[in-house]
mmCIF file of all heavy atoms, coordinates in Angstrom:
data_MODEL
# 
_entry.id   MODEL 
# 
loop_
_atom_site.group_PDB 
_atom_site.id 
_atom_site.type_symbol 
_atom_site.label_atom_id 
_atom_site.label_alt_id 
_atom_site.label_comp_id 
_atom_site.label_asym_id 
_atom_site.label_entity_id 
_atom_site.label_seq_id 
_atom_site.pdbx_PDB_ins_code 
_atom_site.Cartn_x 
_atom_site.Cartn_y 
_atom_site.Cartn_z 
_atom_site.occupancy 
_atom_site.B_iso_or_equiv 
_atom_site.pdbx_formal_charge 
_atom_site.auth_seq_id 
_atom_site.auth_comp_id 
_atom_site.auth_asym_id 
_atom_site.auth_atom_id 
_atom_site.pdbx_PDB_model_num 
ATOM 1   N N   . LEU A 1 1  ? 0.822  -1.210  0.000   1.00 0.00 ? 1  LEU A N   1 
ATOM 2   C CA  . LEU A 1 1  ? 0.000  0.000   0.000   1.00 0.00 ? 1  LEU A CA  1 
ATOM 3   C C   . LEU A 1 1  ? 0.858  1.263   0.000   1.00 0.00 ? 1  LEU A C   1 
ATOM 4   O O   . LEU A 1 1  ? 0.483  2.274   -0.604  1.00 0.00 ? 1  LEU A O   1 
ATOM 5   C CB  . LEU A 1 1  ? -0.960 0.007   1.187   1.00 0.00 ? 1  LEU A CB  1 
ATOM 6   C CG  . LEU A 1 1  ? -2.204 -0.864  1.052   1.00 0.00 ? 1  LEU A CG  1 
ATOM 7   C CD1 . LEU A 1 1  ? -3.145 -0.656  2.235   1.00 0.00 ? 1  LEU A CD1 1 
ATOM 8   C CD2 . LEU A 1 1  ? -2.941 -0.585  -0.241  1.00 0.00 ? 1  LEU A CD2 1 
ATOM 9   N N   . THR A 1 2  ? 2.016  1.214   0.650   1.00 0.00 ? 2  THR A N   1 
ATOM 10  C CA  . THR A 1 2  ? 2.917  2.367   0.635   1.00 0.00 ? 2  THR A CA  1 
ATOM 11  C C   . THR A 1 2  ? 3.412  2.630   -0.788  1.00 0.00 ? 2  THR A C   1 
ATOM 12  O O   . THR A 1 2  ? 3.424  3.776   -1.252  1.00 0.00 ? 2  THR A O   1 
ATOM 13  C CB  . THR A 1 2  ? 4.113  2.147   1.581   1.00 0.00 ? 2  THR A CB  1 
ATOM 14  O OG1 . THR A 1 2  ? 3.618  1.991   2.913   1.00 0.00 ? 2  THR A OG1 1 
ATOM 15  C CG2 . THR A 1 2  ? 5.094  3.304   1.530   1.00 0.00 ? 2  THR A CG2 1 
ATOM 16  N N   . LEU A 1 3  ? 3.799  1.561   -1.496  1.00 0.00 ? 3  LEU A N   1 
ATOM 17  C CA  . LEU A 1 3  ? 4.248  1.726   -2.884  1.00 0.00 ? 3  LEU A CA  1 
ATOM 18  C C   . LEU A 1 3  ? 3.116  2.220   -3.772  1.00 0.00 ? 3  LEU A C   1 
ATOM 19  O O   . LEU A 1 3  ? 3.327  3.085   -4.640  1.00 0.00 ? 3  LEU A O   1 
ATOM 20  C CB  . LEU A 1 3  ? 4.816  0.412   -3.417  1.00 0.00 ? 3  LEU A CB  1 
ATOM 21  C CG  . LEU A 1 3  ? 6.164  0.000   -2.821  1.00 0.00 ? 3  LEU A CG  1 
ATOM 22  C CD1 . LEU A 1 3  ? 6.562  -1.392  -3.310  1.00 0.00 ? 3  LEU A CD1 1 
ATOM 23  C CD2 . LEU A 1 3  ? 7.241  1.019   -3.160  1.00 0.00 ? 3  LEU A CD2 1 
ATOM 24  N N   . LEU A 1 4  ? 1.904  1.695   -3.571  1.00 0.00 ? 4  LEU A N   1 
ATOM 25  C CA  . LEU A 1 4  ? 0.756  2.183   -4.337  1.00 0.00 ? 4  LEU A CA  1 
ATOM 26  C C   . LEU A 1 4  ? 0.473  3.647   -4.023  1.00 0.00 ? 4  LEU A C   1 
ATOM 27  O O   . LEU A 1 4  ? 0.106  4.429   -4.901  1.00 0.00 ? 4  LEU A O   1 
ATOM 28  C CB  . LEU A 1 4  ? -0.480 1.329   -4.060  1.00 0.00 ? 4  LEU A CB  1 
ATOM 29  C CG  . LEU A 1 4  ? -0.480 -0.062  -4.679  1.00 0.00 ? 4  LEU A CG  1 
ATOM 30  C CD1 . LEU A 1 4  ? -1.679 -0.863  -4.187  1.00 0.00 ? 4  LEU A CD1 1 
ATOM 31  C CD2 . LEU A 1 4  ? -0.474 0.016   -6.190  1.00 0.00 ? 4  LEU A CD2 1 
ATOM 32  N N   . ARG A 1 5  ? 0.647  4.019   -2.763  1.00 0.00 ? 5  ARG A N   1 
ATOM 33  C CA  . ARG A 1 5  ? 0.451  5.418   -2.370  1.00 0.00 ? 5  ARG A CA  1 
ATOM 34  C C   . ARG A 1 5  ? 1.455  6.313   -3.077  1.00 0.00 ? 5  ARG A C   1 
ATOM 35  O O   . ARG A 1 5  ? 1.098  7.355   -3.629  1.00 0.00 ? 5  ARG A O   1 
ATOM 36  C CB  . ARG A 1 5  ? 0.576  5.560   -0.844  1.00 0.00 ? 5  ARG A CB  1 
ATOM 37  C CG  . ARG A 1 5  ? 0.504  7.001   -0.369  1.00 0.00 ? 5  ARG A CG  1 
ATOM 38  C CD  . ARG A 1 5  ? 0.761  7.099   1.140   1.00 0.00 ? 5  ARG A CD  1 
ATOM 39  N NE  . ARG A 1 5  ? 1.098  8.428   1.554   1.00 0.00 ? 5  ARG A NE  1 
ATOM 40  C CZ  . ARG A 1 5  ? 0.235  9.402   1.812   1.00 0.00 ? 5  ARG A CZ  1 
ATOM 41  N NH1 . ARG A 1 5  ? -1.048 9.194   1.688   1.00 0.00 ? 5  ARG A NH1 1 
ATOM 42  N NH2 . ARG A 1 5  ? 0.639  10.591  2.201   1.00 0.00 ? 5  ARG A NH2 1 
ATOM 43  N N   . LEU A 1 6  ? 2.717  5.900   -3.081  1.00 0.00 ? 6  LEU A N   1 
ATOM 44  C CA  . LEU A 1 6  ? 3.752  6.698   -3.732  1.00 0.00 ? 6  LEU A CA  1 
ATOM 45  C C   . LEU A 1 6  ? 3.525  6.759   -5.240  1.00 0.00 ? 6  LEU A C   1 
ATOM 46  O O   . LEU A 1 6  ? 3.669  7.826   -5.855  1.00 0.00 ? 6  LEU A O   1 
ATOM 47  C CB  . LEU A 1 6  ? 5.135  6.128   -3.409  1.00 0.00 ? 6  LEU A CB  1 
ATOM 48  C CG  . LEU A 1 6  ? 5.549  6.181   -1.936  1.00 0.00 ? 6  LEU A CG  1 
ATOM 49  C CD1 . LEU A 1 6  ? 6.866  5.452   -1.721  1.00 0.00 ? 6  LEU A CD1 1 
ATOM 50  C CD2 . LEU A 1 6  ? 5.623  7.605   -1.436  1.00 0.00 ? 6  LEU A CD2 1 
ATOM 51  N N   . GLY A 1 7  ? 3.153  5.632   -5.844  1.00 0.00 ? 7  GLY A N   1 
ATOM 52  C CA  . GLY A 1 7  ? 2.886  5.611   -7.282  1.00 0.00 ? 7  GLY A CA  1 
ATOM 53  C C   . GLY A 1 7  ? 1.701  6.477   -7.656  1.00 0.00 ? 7  GLY A C   1 
ATOM 54  O O   . GLY A 1 7  ? 1.740  7.210   -8.648  1.00 0.00 ? 7  GLY A O   1 
ATOM 55  N N   . SER A 1 8  ? 0.649  6.424   -6.870  1.00 0.00 ? 8  SER A N   1 
ATOM 56  C CA  . SER A 1 8  ? -0.526 7.242   -7.181  1.00 0.00 ? 8  SER A CA  1 
ATOM 57  C C   . SER A 1 8  ? -0.234 8.720   -6.944  1.00 0.00 ? 8  SER A C   1 
ATOM 58  O O   . SER A 1 8  ? -0.803 9.571   -7.622  1.00 0.00 ? 8  SER A O   1 
ATOM 59  C CB  . SER A 1 8  ? -1.736 6.791   -6.350  1.00 0.00 ? 8  SER A CB  1 
ATOM 60  O OG  . SER A 1 8  ? -1.526 7.033   -4.974  1.00 0.00 ? 8  SER A OG  1 
ATOM 61  N N   . THR A 1 9  ? 0.657  9.015   -6.020  1.00 0.00 ? 9  THR A N   1 
ATOM 62  C CA  . THR A 1 9  ? 1.031  10.411  -5.791  1.00 0.00 ? 9  THR A CA  1 
ATOM 63  C C   . THR A 1 9  ? 1.732  10.973  -7.020  1.00 0.00 ? 9  THR A C   1 
ATOM 64  O O   . THR A 1 9  ? 1.471  12.107  -7.436  1.00 0.00 ? 9  THR A O   1 
ATOM 65  C CB  . THR A 1 9  ? 1.950  10.538  -4.552  1.00 0.00 ? 9  THR A CB  1 
ATOM 66  O OG1 . THR A 1 9  ? 1.251  10.019  -3.417  1.00 0.00 ? 9  THR A OG1 1 
ATOM 67  C CG2 . THR A 1 9  ? 2.339  11.974  -4.294  1.00 0.00 ? 9  THR A CG2 1 
ATOM 68  N N   . VAL A 1 10 ? 2.586  10.161  -7.636  1.00 0.00 ? 10 VAL A N   1 
ATOM 69  C CA  . VAL A 1 10 ? 3.277  10.604  -8.850  1.00 0.00 ? 10 VAL A CA  1 
ATOM 70  C C   . VAL A 1 10 ? 2.280  10.709  -10.002 1.00 0.00 ? 10 VAL A C   1 
ATOM 71  O O   . VAL A 1 10 ? 2.265  11.695  -10.741 1.00 0.00 ? 10 VAL A O   1 
ATOM 72  C CB  . VAL A 1 10 ? 4.421  9.620   -9.196  1.00 0.00 ? 10 VAL A CB  1 
ATOM 73  C CG1 . VAL A 1 10 ? 4.982  9.901   -10.585 1.00 0.00 ? 10 VAL A CG1 1 
ATOM 74  C CG2 . VAL A 1 10 ? 5.507  9.694   -8.152  1.00 0.00 ? 10 VAL A CG2 1 
ATOM 75  N N   . TRP A 1 11 ? 1.413  9.699   -10.165 1.00 0.00 ? 11 TRP A N   1 
ATOM 76  C CA  . TRP A 1 11 ? 0.502  9.652   -11.304 1.00 0.00 ? 11 TRP A CA  1 
ATOM 77  C C   . TRP A 1 11 ? -0.624 10.685  -11.198 1.00 0.00 ? 11 TRP A C   1 
ATOM 78  O O   . TRP A 1 11 ? -0.989 11.335  -12.162 1.00 0.00 ? 11 TRP A O   1 
ATOM 79  C CB  . TRP A 1 11 ? -0.072 8.253   -11.451 1.00 0.00 ? 11 TRP A CB  1 
ATOM 80  C CG  . TRP A 1 11 ? -0.926 8.073   -12.665 1.00 0.00 ? 11 TRP A CG  1 
ATOM 81  C CD1 . TRP A 1 11 ? -0.558 8.270   -13.968 1.00 0.00 ? 11 TRP A CD1 1 
ATOM 82  C CD2 . TRP A 1 11 ? -2.295 7.691   -12.700 1.00 0.00 ? 11 TRP A CD2 1 
ATOM 83  N NE1 . TRP A 1 11 ? -1.608 8.015   -14.808 1.00 0.00 ? 11 TRP A NE1 1 
ATOM 84  C CE2 . TRP A 1 11 ? -2.698 7.651   -14.046 1.00 0.00 ? 11 TRP A CE2 1 
ATOM 85  C CE3 . TRP A 1 11 ? -3.221 7.357   -11.722 1.00 0.00 ? 11 TRP A CE3 1 
ATOM 86  C CZ2 . TRP A 1 11 ? -3.977 7.301   -14.433 1.00 0.00 ? 11 TRP A CZ2 1 
ATOM 87  C CZ3 . TRP A 1 11 ? -4.495 6.997   -12.115 1.00 0.00 ? 11 TRP A CZ3 1 
ATOM 88  C CH2 . TRP A 1 11 ? -4.856 6.980   -13.459 1.00 0.00 ? 11 TRP A CH2 1 
ATOM 89  N N   . LEU A 1 12 ? -1.198 10.815  -9.985  1.00 0.00 ? 12 LEU A N   1 
ATOM 90  C CA  . LEU A 1 12 ? -2.344 11.704  -9.804  1.00 0.00 ? 12 LEU A CA  1 
ATOM 91  C C   . LEU A 1 12 ? -1.976 13.055  -9.205  1.00 0.00 ? 12 LEU A C   1 
ATOM 92  O O   . LEU A 1 12 ? -2.836 13.905  -9.028  1.00 0.00 ? 12 LEU A O   1 
ATOM 93  C CB  . LEU A 1 12 ? -3.385 11.045  -8.879  1.00 0.00 ? 12 LEU A CB  1 
ATOM 94  C CG  . LEU A 1 12 ? -3.977 9.725   -9.343  1.00 0.00 ? 12 LEU A CG  1 
ATOM 95  C CD1 . LEU A 1 12 ? -4.821 9.111   -8.232  1.00 0.00 ? 12 LEU A CD1 1 
ATOM 96  C CD2 . LEU A 1 12 ? -4.813 9.945   -10.589 1.00 0.00 ? 12 LEU A CD2 1 
ATOM 97  N N   . SER A 1 13 ? -0.723 13.229  -8.838  1.00 0.00 ? 13 SER A N   1 
ATOM 98  C CA  . SER A 1 13 ? -0.257 14.428  -8.139  1.00 0.00 ? 13 SER A CA  1 
ATOM 99  C C   . SER A 1 13 ? -0.947 14.588  -6.786  1.00 0.00 ? 13 SER A C   1 
ATOM 100 O O   . SER A 1 13 ? -1.053 15.683  -6.261  1.00 0.00 ? 13 SER A O   1 
ATOM 101 C CB  . SER A 1 13 ? -0.477 15.684  -8.987  1.00 0.00 ? 13 SER A CB  1 
ATOM 102 O OG  . SER A 1 13 ? 0.209  15.577  -10.203 1.00 0.00 ? 13 SER A OG  1 
ATOM 103 N N   . ALA A 1 14 ? -1.462 13.492  -6.254  1.00 0.00 ? 14 ALA A N   1 
ATOM 104 C CA  . ALA A 1 14 ? -2.075 13.464  -4.928  1.00 0.00 ? 14 ALA A CA  1 
ATOM 105 C C   . ALA A 1 14 ? -2.042 12.019  -4.448  1.00 0.00 ? 14 ALA A C   1 
ATOM 106 O O   . ALA A 1 14 ? -2.134 11.101  -5.259  1.00 0.00 ? 14 ALA A O   1 
ATOM 107 C CB  . ALA A 1 14 ? -3.519 13.960  -4.976  1.00 0.00 ? 14 ALA A CB  1 
ATOM 108 N N   . PRO A 1 15 ? -1.890 11.797  -3.149  1.00 0.00 ? 15 PRO A N   1 
ATOM 109 C CA  . PRO A 1 15 ? -1.839 10.417  -2.675  1.00 0.00 ? 15 PRO A CA  1 
ATOM 110 C C   . PRO A 1 15 ? -3.169 9.696   -2.887  1.00 0.00 ? 15 PRO A C   1 
ATOM 111 O O   . PRO A 1 15 ? -4.236 10.252  -2.654  1.00 0.00 ? 15 PRO A O   1 
ATOM 112 C CB  . PRO A 1 15 ? -1.508 10.548  -1.186  1.00 0.00 ? 15 PRO A CB  1 
ATOM 113 C CG  . PRO A 1 15 ? -1.754 11.964  -0.838  1.00 0.00 ? 15 PRO A CG  1 
ATOM 114 C CD  . PRO A 1 15 ? -1.729 12.769  -2.088  1.00 0.00 ? 15 PRO A CD  1 
ATOM 115 N N   . GLY A 1 16 ? -3.086 8.458   -3.360  1.00 0.00 ? 16 GLY A N   1 
ATOM 116 C CA  . GLY A 1 16 ? -4.293 7.666   -3.578  1.00 0.00 ? 16 GLY A CA  1 
ATOM 117 C C   . GLY A 1 16 ? -4.769 6.984   -2.316  1.00 0.00 ? 16 GLY A C   1 
ATOM 118 O O   . GLY A 1 16 ? -5.934 6.614   -2.205  1.00 0.00 ? 16 GLY A O   1 
ATOM 119 N N   . PHE A 1 17 ? -3.882 6.812   -1.366  1.00 0.00 ? 17 PHE A N   1 
ATOM 120 C CA  . PHE A 1 17 ? -4.220 6.184   -0.091  1.00 0.00 ? 17 PHE A CA  1 
ATOM 121 C C   . PHE A 1 17 ? -3.688 7.074   1.013   1.00 0.00 ? 17 PHE A C   1 
ATOM 122 O O   . PHE A 1 17 ? -2.655 7.716   0.861   1.00 0.00 ? 17 PHE A O   1 
ATOM 123 C CB  . PHE A 1 17 ? -3.557 4.810   0.062   1.00 0.00 ? 17 PHE A CB  1 
ATOM 124 C CG  . PHE A 1 17 ? -3.893 3.838   -1.026  1.00 0.00 ? 17 PHE A CG  1 
ATOM 125 C CD1 . PHE A 1 17 ? -3.033 3.616   -2.073  1.00 0.00 ? 17 PHE A CD1 1 
ATOM 126 C CD2 . PHE A 1 17 ? -5.085 3.140   -0.994  1.00 0.00 ? 17 PHE A CD2 1 
ATOM 127 C CE1 . PHE A 1 17 ? -3.344 2.720   -3.076  1.00 0.00 ? 17 PHE A CE1 1 
ATOM 128 C CE2 . PHE A 1 17 ? -5.410 2.242   -1.989  1.00 0.00 ? 17 PHE A CE2 1 
ATOM 129 C CZ  . PHE A 1 17 ? -4.538 2.039   -3.033  1.00 0.00 ? 17 PHE A CZ  1 
ATOM 130 N N   . GLY A 1 18 ? -4.380 7.064   2.135   1.00 0.00 ? 18 GLY A N   1 
ATOM 131 C CA  . GLY A 1 18 ? -3.870 7.773   3.298   1.00 0.00 ? 18 GLY A CA  1 
ATOM 132 C C   . GLY A 1 18 ? -2.993 6.853   4.128   1.00 0.00 ? 18 GLY A C   1 
ATOM 133 O O   . GLY A 1 18 ? -3.005 5.635   3.971   1.00 0.00 ? 18 GLY A O   1 
ATOM 134 N N   . TRP A 1 19 ? -2.238 7.441   5.026   1.00 0.00 ? 19 TRP A N   1 
ATOM 135 C CA  . TRP A 1 19 ? -1.390 6.621   5.899   1.00 0.00 ? 19 TRP A CA  1 
ATOM 136 C C   . TRP A 1 19 ? -2.238 5.761   6.829   1.00 0.00 ? 19 TRP A C   1 
ATOM 137 O O   . TRP A 1 19 ? -1.811 4.688   7.255   1.00 0.00 ? 19 TRP A O   1 
ATOM 138 C CB  . TRP A 1 19 ? -0.422 7.495   6.684   1.00 0.00 ? 19 TRP A CB  1 
ATOM 139 C CG  . TRP A 1 19 ? 0.655  8.055   5.817   1.00 0.00 ? 19 TRP A CG  1 
ATOM 140 C CD1 . TRP A 1 19 ? 0.874  9.373   5.532   1.00 0.00 ? 19 TRP A CD1 1 
ATOM 141 C CD2 . TRP A 1 19 ? 1.648  7.333   5.083   1.00 0.00 ? 19 TRP A CD2 1 
ATOM 142 N NE1 . TRP A 1 19 ? 1.933  9.497   4.669   1.00 0.00 ? 19 TRP A NE1 1 
ATOM 143 C CE2 . TRP A 1 19 ? 2.430  8.263   4.381   1.00 0.00 ? 19 TRP A CE2 1 
ATOM 144 C CE3 . TRP A 1 19 ? 1.953  5.982   4.946   1.00 0.00 ? 19 TRP A CE3 1 
ATOM 145 C CZ2 . TRP A 1 19 ? 3.499  7.893   3.564   1.00 0.00 ? 19 TRP A CZ2 1 
ATOM 146 C CZ3 . TRP A 1 19 ? 3.014  5.613   4.131   1.00 0.00 ? 19 TRP A CZ3 1 
ATOM 147 C CH2 . TRP A 1 19 ? 3.766  6.563   3.458   1.00 0.00 ? 19 TRP A CH2 1 
ATOM 148 N N   . GLY A 1 20 ? -3.452 6.200   7.131   1.00 0.00 ? 20 GLY A N   1 
ATOM 149 C CA  . GLY A 1 20 ? -4.339 5.373   7.951   1.00 0.00 ? 20 GLY A CA  1 
ATOM 150 C C   . GLY A 1 20 ? -4.674 4.062   7.262   1.00 0.00 ? 20 GLY A C   1 
ATOM 151 O O   . GLY A 1 20 ? -4.754 3.011   7.909   1.00 0.00 ? 20 GLY A O   1 
ATOM 152 N N   . ASP A 1 21 ? -4.852 4.102   5.944   1.00 0.00 ? 21 ASP A N   1 
ATOM 153 C CA  . ASP A 1 21 ? -5.113 2.879   5.179   1.00 0.00 ? 21 ASP A CA  1 
ATOM 154 C C   . ASP A 1 21 ? -3.910 1.947   5.235   1.00 0.00 ? 21 ASP A C   1 
ATOM 155 O O   . ASP A 1 21 ? -4.060 0.734   5.387   1.00 0.00 ? 21 ASP A O   1 
ATOM 156 C CB  . ASP A 1 21 ? -5.434 3.213   3.724   1.00 0.00 ? 21 ASP A CB  1 
ATOM 157 C CG  . ASP A 1 21 ? -6.637 4.131   3.586   1.00 0.00 ? 21 ASP A CG  1 
ATOM 158 O OD1 . ASP A 1 21 ? -7.636 3.898   4.290   1.00 0.00 ? 21 ASP A OD1 1 
ATOM 159 O OD2 . ASP A 1 21 ? -6.565 5.076   2.773   1.00 0.00 ? 21 ASP A OD2 1 
ATOM 160 N N   . VAL A 1 22 ? -2.726 2.525   5.117   1.00 0.00 ? 22 VAL A N   1 
ATOM 161 C CA  . VAL A 1 22 ? -1.498 1.730   5.192   1.00 0.00 ? 22 VAL A CA  1 
ATOM 162 C C   . VAL A 1 22 ? -1.391 1.082   6.574   1.00 0.00 ? 22 VAL A C   1 
ATOM 163 O O   . VAL A 1 22 ? -1.120 -0.121  6.701   1.00 0.00 ? 22 VAL A O   1 
ATOM 164 C CB  . VAL A 1 22 ? -0.261 2.599   4.886   1.00 0.00 ? 22 VAL A CB  1 
ATOM 165 C CG1 . VAL A 1 22 ? 1.025  1.822   5.125   1.00 0.00 ? 22 VAL A CG1 1 
ATOM 166 C CG2 . VAL A 1 22 ? -0.323 3.147   3.471   1.00 0.00 ? 22 VAL A CG2 1 
ATOM 167 N N   . LYS A 1 23 ? -1.615 1.885   7.622   1.00 0.00 ? 23 LYS A N   1 
ATOM 168 C CA  . LYS A 1 23 ? -1.523 1.356   8.983   1.00 0.00 ? 23 LYS A CA  1 
ATOM 169 C C   . LYS A 1 23 ? -2.595 0.304   9.249   1.00 0.00 ? 23 LYS A C   1 
ATOM 170 O O   . LYS A 1 23 ? -2.360 -0.644  10.002  1.00 0.00 ? 23 LYS A O   1 
ATOM 171 C CB  . LYS A 1 23 ? -1.631 2.487   10.013  1.00 0.00 ? 23 LYS A CB  1 
ATOM 172 C CG  . LYS A 1 23 ? -0.420 3.400   10.005  1.00 0.00 ? 23 LYS A CG  1 
ATOM 173 C CD  . LYS A 1 23 ? -0.536 4.466   11.074  1.00 0.00 ? 23 LYS A CD  1 
ATOM 174 C CE  . LYS A 1 23 ? -1.223 5.676   10.501  1.00 0.00 ? 23 LYS A CE  1 
ATOM 175 N NZ  . LYS A 1 23 ? -1.264 6.800   11.436  1.00 0.00 ? 23 LYS A NZ  1 
ATOM 176 N N   . LEU A 1 24 ? -3.745 0.429   8.625   1.00 0.00 ? 24 LEU A N   1 
ATOM 177 C CA  . LEU A 1 24 ? -4.834 -0.531  8.806   1.00 0.00 ? 24 LEU A CA  1 
ATOM 178 C C   . LEU A 1 24 ? -4.496 -1.886  8.187   1.00 0.00 ? 24 LEU A C   1 
ATOM 179 O O   . LEU A 1 24 ? -5.020 -2.914  8.616   1.00 0.00 ? 24 LEU A O   1 
ATOM 180 C CB  . LEU A 1 24 ? -6.109 0.035   8.182   1.00 0.00 ? 24 LEU A CB  1 
ATOM 181 C CG  . LEU A 1 24 ? -7.439 -0.534  8.620   1.00 0.00 ? 24 LEU A CG  1 
ATOM 182 C CD1 . LEU A 1 24 ? -7.619 -0.411  10.126  1.00 0.00 ? 24 LEU A CD1 1 
ATOM 183 C CD2 . LEU A 1 24 ? -8.565 0.193   7.905   1.00 0.00 ? 24 LEU A CD2 1 
ATOM 184 N N   . SER A 1 25 ? -3.608 -1.897  7.201   1.00 0.00 ? 25 SER A N   1 
ATOM 185 C CA  . SER A 1 25 ? -3.241 -3.165  6.573   1.00 0.00 ? 25 SER A CA  1 
ATOM 186 C C   . SER A 1 25 ? -2.397 -4.050  7.490   1.00 0.00 ? 25 SER A C   1 
ATOM 187 O O   . SER A 1 25 ? -2.344 -5.265  7.293   1.00 0.00 ? 25 SER A O   1 
ATOM 188 C CB  . SER A 1 25 ? -2.503 -2.910  5.258   1.00 0.00 ? 25 SER A CB  1 
ATOM 189 O OG  . SER A 1 25 ? -1.236 -2.334  5.486   1.00 0.00 ? 25 SER A OG  1 
ATOM 190 N N   . VAL A 1 26 ? -1.758 -3.475  8.497   1.00 0.00 ? 26 VAL A N   1 
ATOM 191 C CA  . VAL A 1 26 ? -0.915 -4.264  9.398   1.00 0.00 ? 26 VAL A CA  1 
ATOM 192 C C   . VAL A 1 26 ? -1.743 -5.245  10.242  1.00 0.00 ? 26 VAL A C   1 
ATOM 193 O O   . VAL A 1 26 ? -1.480 -6.444  10.219  1.00 0.00 ? 26 VAL A O   1 
ATOM 194 C CB  . VAL A 1 26 ? -0.030 -3.346  10.278  1.00 0.00 ? 26 VAL A CB  1 
ATOM 195 C CG1 . VAL A 1 26 ? 0.710  -4.152  11.333  1.00 0.00 ? 26 VAL A CG1 1 
ATOM 196 C CG2 . VAL A 1 26 ? 0.938  -2.570  9.395   1.00 0.00 ? 26 VAL A CG2 1 
ATOM 197 N N   . PRO A 1 27 ? -2.768 -4.778  10.981  1.00 0.00 ? 27 PRO A N   1 
ATOM 198 C CA  . PRO A 1 27 ? -3.552 -5.768  11.728  1.00 0.00 ? 27 PRO A CA  1 
ATOM 199 C C   . PRO A 1 27 ? -4.284 -6.738  10.801  1.00 0.00 ? 27 PRO A C   1 
ATOM 200 O O   . PRO A 1 27 ? -4.471 -7.913  11.139  1.00 0.00 ? 27 PRO A O   1 
ATOM 201 C CB  . PRO A 1 27 ? -4.534 -4.933  12.549  1.00 0.00 ? 27 PRO A CB  1 
ATOM 202 C CG  . PRO A 1 27 ? -4.541 -3.588  11.929  1.00 0.00 ? 27 PRO A CG  1 
ATOM 203 C CD  . PRO A 1 27 ? -3.215 -3.420  11.265  1.00 0.00 ? 27 PRO A CD  1 
ATOM 204 N N   . LEU A 1 28 ? -4.652 -6.269  9.629   1.00 0.00 ? 28 LEU A N   1 
ATOM 205 C CA  . LEU A 1 28 ? -5.309 -7.139  8.659   1.00 0.00 ? 28 LEU A CA  1 
ATOM 206 C C   . LEU A 1 28 ? -4.370 -8.281  8.256   1.00 0.00 ? 28 LEU A C   1 
ATOM 207 O O   . LEU A 1 28 ? -4.777 -9.443  8.200   1.00 0.00 ? 28 LEU A O   1 
ATOM 208 C CB  . LEU A 1 28 ? -5.730 -6.311  7.449   1.00 0.00 ? 28 LEU A CB  1 
ATOM 209 C CG  . LEU A 1 28 ? -6.694 -6.931  6.464   1.00 0.00 ? 28 LEU A CG  1 
ATOM 210 C CD1 . LEU A 1 28 ? -8.019 -7.253  7.143   1.00 0.00 ? 28 LEU A CD1 1 
ATOM 211 C CD2 . LEU A 1 28 ? -6.935 -5.988  5.300   1.00 0.00 ? 28 LEU A CD2 1 
ATOM 212 N N   . GLY A 1 29 ? -3.113 -7.959  7.997   1.00 0.00 ? 29 GLY A N   1 
ATOM 213 C CA  . GLY A 1 29 ? -2.132 -8.980  7.650   1.00 0.00 ? 29 GLY A CA  1 
ATOM 214 C C   . GLY A 1 29 ? -1.832 -9.927  8.787   1.00 0.00 ? 29 GLY A C   1 
ATOM 215 O O   . GLY A 1 29 ? -1.643 -11.132 8.582   1.00 0.00 ? 29 GLY A O   1 
# 
């Protein structure tokens, strides 16, 4: 999700995911 966030930031000029989404993936995993 961090890589997707960084990629979407470059592509869309805005982050596609928030850091909360990234942090939420940890307990999910």
